[in-house]
Amino acid sequence: MKSSIIIGGKSDQYKRNKADFYATPSECTIALLNRFGWLFKDKHIWEPACGDGAISKVLEGRGYSVKSSDLYDRGYGQSGVDFLNSDDNCDAIITNPPFNLASSFIEKASNKRVPFAMLIKATYWHAEKRRQLFIDTGPMAVIAMTWRPAMSPERGASATMDFIWTVWAENPTEDTKYFVERKPKY
């Protein structure tokens, strides 16, 4: 098997999902809520890249108030909503942004000055071009997951990519905490 297939890169057999759509397994959202549910309690949360509703359904199931939208119609939430060009208000944001737009999503959410969390590849912050974004937005925490979520089950039974939640409070901080979470049982 070619290494590009293993790490989720370009392949003739496995094309990149349209518009970077990769549904978030429930245990990822549960891990976030187990650690930082208090930060989002009693807030109206916006899930602006809701896809098929994977994150929203977990949030709703835990009693959170959620507005679900997406640029594309994937059968859940309000379609045709471009988060990056929207003036919609909210009290918090939780999403798994399209990877190629993650920096723009982080900048937009940061400008809203509300608590927010983004599910991103574990190596996301390992790039010089994103260093200043990290400093400027000052996340309060990074949550490393000790399992590999199956974001692309069509690629096989064994997931091959690590993911993290990066979590921000209303205002930037210089003291980012690092947590390592076990896969929750649900």
Protein backbone atom coordinates (compact mmCIF):
# COMPACT_ATOMS: atom_id res chain seq x y z
CA MET A 1 0.00 0.00 0.00
CA LYS A 2 1.33 3.43 -0.90
CA SER A 3 2.17 5.75 1.99
CA SER A 4 -0.06 8.48 0.51
CA ILE A 5 -3.06 6.20 0.99
CA ILE A 6 -2.07 5.40 4.56
CA ILE A 7 -1.80 9.02 5.62
CA GLY A 8 -4.87 10.15 3.73
CA GLY A 9 -3.14 11.88 0.85
CA LYS A 10 -3.71 11.74 -2.86
CA SER A 11 -4.50 8.36 -4.36
CA ASP A 12 -6.11 7.02 -7.52
CA GLN A 13 -8.27 4.66 -5.49
CA TYR A 14 -9.25 7.04 -2.66
CA LYS A 15 -10.04 10.57 -3.78
CA ARG A 16 -10.18 13.40 -1.28
CA ASN A 17 -13.75 13.84 -0.01
CA LYS A 18 -15.69 16.62 -1.73
CA ALA A 19 -15.31 19.96 0.08
CA ASP A 20 -13.16 18.26 2.74
CA PHE A 21 -16.19 16.56 4.31
CA TYR A 22 -15.19 14.07 6.98
CA ALA A 23 -17.89 13.22 9.52
CA THR A 24 -16.81 13.46 13.16
CA PRO A 25 -17.16 10.24 15.15
CA SER A 26 -19.29 10.75 18.30
CA GLU A 27 -16.48 9.90 20.69
CA CYS A 28 -14.54 12.98 19.57
CA THR A 29 -17.32 15.36 20.59
CA ILE A 30 -17.92 13.43 23.80
CA ALA A 31 -14.22 13.77 24.71
CA LEU A 32 -14.46 17.54 24.20
CA LEU A 33 -17.57 17.80 26.36
CA ASN A 34 -16.13 15.56 29.07
CA ARG A 35 -13.23 17.98 29.46
CA PHE A 36 -14.78 21.36 28.55
CA GLY A 37 -18.55 20.96 28.58
CA TRP A 38 -18.71 23.61 31.31
CA LEU A 39 -17.29 26.21 28.89
CA PHE A 40 -20.24 25.72 26.52
CA LYS A 41 -22.98 25.22 29.13
CA ASP A 42 -25.98 27.53 28.76
CA LYS A 43 -24.59 28.91 25.49
CA HIS A 44 -26.25 28.91 22.07
CA ILE A 45 -23.63 26.96 20.07
CA TRP A 46 -23.15 27.36 16.33
CA GLU A 47 -21.90 24.34 14.38
CA PRO A 48 -21.06 26.11 11.08
CA ALA A 49 -19.73 23.09 9.17
CA CYS A 50 -22.35 20.63 10.39
CA GLY A 51 -22.20 18.22 7.45
CA ASP A 52 -24.46 15.31 8.33
CA GLY A 53 -24.98 16.57 11.90
CA ALA A 54 -22.43 14.35 13.65
CA ILE A 55 -21.26 16.98 16.16
CA SER A 56 -24.65 18.69 16.46
CA LYS A 57 -26.45 15.45 17.29
CA VAL A 58 -24.08 14.74 20.19
CA LEU A 59 -24.42 18.31 21.48
CA GLU A 60 -28.21 18.18 21.24
CA GLY A 61 -28.25 14.76 22.90
CA ARG A 62 -26.37 16.29 25.83
CA GLY A 63 -28.90 19.13 26.14
CA TYR A 64 -26.97 21.93 24.43
CA SER A 65 -28.74 24.53 22.27
CA VAL A 66 -27.30 24.23 18.74
CA LYS A 67 -27.62 26.10 15.46
CA SER A 68 -26.45 23.79 12.67
CA SER A 69 -25.46 25.09 9.24
CA ASP A 70 -23.21 24.24 6.33
CA LEU A 71 -22.30 25.68 2.97
CA TYR A 72 -23.37 22.39 1.38
CA ASP A 73 -26.59 20.40 1.75
CA ARG A 74 -25.71 17.13 3.47
CA GLY A 75 -29.19 16.52 4.84
CA TYR A 76 -28.77 18.26 8.19
CA GLY A 77 -29.07 21.84 9.37
CA GLN A 78 -29.44 24.93 7.22
CA SER A 79 -27.55 24.67 3.93
CA GLY A 80 -26.11 27.53 1.90
CA VAL A 81 -24.66 29.30 4.94
CA ASP A 82 -21.06 30.44 4.43
CA PHE A 83 -19.59 30.81 7.91
CA LEU A 84 -16.72 32.90 6.63
CA ASN A 85 -19.07 35.51 5.15
CA SER A 86 -21.86 35.36 7.73
CA ASP A 87 -22.69 37.94 10.39
CA ASP A 88 -24.78 35.49 12.43
CA ASN A 89 -24.50 35.77 16.19
CA CYS A 90 -23.86 32.98 18.66
CA ASP A 91 -22.54 32.42 22.17
CA ALA A 92 -20.07 29.65 21.20
CA ILE A 93 -18.79 27.65 18.22
CA ILE A 94 -17.87 23.97 17.96
CA THR A 95 -16.91 22.49 14.60
CA ASN A 96 -14.70 20.25 12.51
CA PRO A 97 -13.76 22.80 9.82
CA PRO A 98 -12.73 21.88 6.28
CA PHE A 99 -8.96 21.44 6.59
CA ASN A 100 -8.16 23.80 3.74
CA LEU A 101 -10.22 26.53 5.47
CA ALA A 102 -9.28 25.83 9.09
CA SER A 103 -7.12 28.95 9.49
CA SER A 104 -9.91 31.15 8.15
CA PHE A 105 -12.45 29.45 10.45
CA ILE A 106 -10.16 30.01 13.45
CA GLU A 107 -9.65 33.69 12.57
CA LYS A 108 -13.39 34.26 12.05
CA ALA A 109 -14.36 32.51 15.30
CA SER A 110 -11.66 34.35 17.23
CA ASN A 111 -13.01 37.70 16.04
CA LYS A 112 -16.43 36.83 17.51
CA ARG A 113 -14.92 36.72 21.02
CA VAL A 114 -16.92 33.68 22.10
CA PRO A 115 -15.68 30.31 23.38
CA PHE A 116 -14.97 27.97 20.48
CA ALA A 117 -13.43 24.60 19.69
CA MET A 118 -12.05 23.28 16.41
CA LEU A 119 -11.28 19.64 15.63
CA ILE A 120 -8.12 19.62 13.52
CA LYS A 121 -5.30 17.29 12.52
CA ALA A 122 -2.85 16.73 15.37
CA THR A 123 -0.03 18.18 13.27
CA TYR A 124 -1.95 21.34 12.41
CA TRP A 125 0.10 23.61 14.66
CA HIS A 126 3.39 22.04 13.46
CA ALA A 127 3.77 24.55 10.63
CA GLU A 128 5.67 27.81 10.71
CA LYS A 129 2.93 29.52 8.70
CA ARG A 130 0.41 28.80 11.51
CA ARG A 131 2.65 29.82 14.42
CA GLN A 132 1.47 33.44 14.40
CA LEU A 133 -2.18 32.33 14.23
CA PHE A 134 -1.63 30.30 17.39
CA ILE A 135 0.03 33.23 19.15
CA ASP A 136 -2.56 35.79 18.01
CA THR A 137 -5.61 33.71 18.92
CA GLY A 138 -4.13 32.28 22.16
CA PRO A 139 -6.02 29.00 22.63
CA MET A 140 -6.73 28.02 26.22
CA ALA A 141 -6.23 24.30 25.60
CA VAL A 142 -5.29 21.52 23.23
CA ILE A 143 -6.90 18.13 23.75
CA ALA A 144 -4.93 15.25 22.27
CA MET A 145 -6.90 12.07 21.73
CA THR A 146 -5.23 8.73 22.45
CA TRP A 147 -7.04 7.03 19.57
CA ARG A 148 -7.36 7.64 15.86
CA PRO A 149 -10.92 8.56 14.92
CA ALA A 150 -12.30 6.83 11.82
CA MET A 151 -12.95 9.96 9.73
CA SER A 152 -12.77 8.07 6.42
CA PRO A 153 -14.19 4.58 7.00
CA GLU A 154 -14.17 3.96 3.24
CA ARG A 155 -10.35 3.84 3.43
CA GLY A 156 -10.42 0.76 5.63
CA ALA A 157 -11.10 -0.40 9.16
CA SER A 158 -7.97 1.11 10.71
CA ALA A 159 -7.90 4.89 11.05
CA THR A 160 -4.51 6.39 10.24
CA MET A 161 -4.63 10.04 11.30
CA ASP A 162 -4.41 11.70 14.71
CA PHE A 163 -6.68 14.60 15.67
CA ILE A 164 -6.85 17.22 18.40
CA TRP A 165 -9.39 19.67 19.69
CA THR A 166 -8.08 23.18 20.09
CA VAL A 167 -10.23 25.21 22.48
CA TRP A 168 -10.42 28.97 22.94
CA ALA A 169 -12.10 31.12 25.60
CA GLU A 170 -13.59 34.54 24.83
CA ASN A 171 -10.17 36.15 24.96
CA PRO A 172 -6.69 34.92 23.97
CA THR A 173 -4.32 33.52 26.56
CA GLU A 174 -0.59 32.89 26.67
CA ASP A 175 -0.99 29.83 28.91
CA THR A 176 -2.31 27.07 26.66
CA LYS A 177 -2.93 23.85 28.60
CA TYR A 178 -2.37 20.43 27.05
CA PHE A 179 -4.64 17.49 27.89
CA VAL A 180 -4.47 13.86 26.81
CA GLU A 181 -7.87 12.18 26.68
CA ARG A 182 -8.76 8.51 26.51
CA LYS A 183 -11.45 7.35 24.14
CA PRO A 184 -14.75 7.77 26.03
CA LYS A 185 -17.15 4.92 26.46
CA TYR A 186 -20.64 5.78 25.32
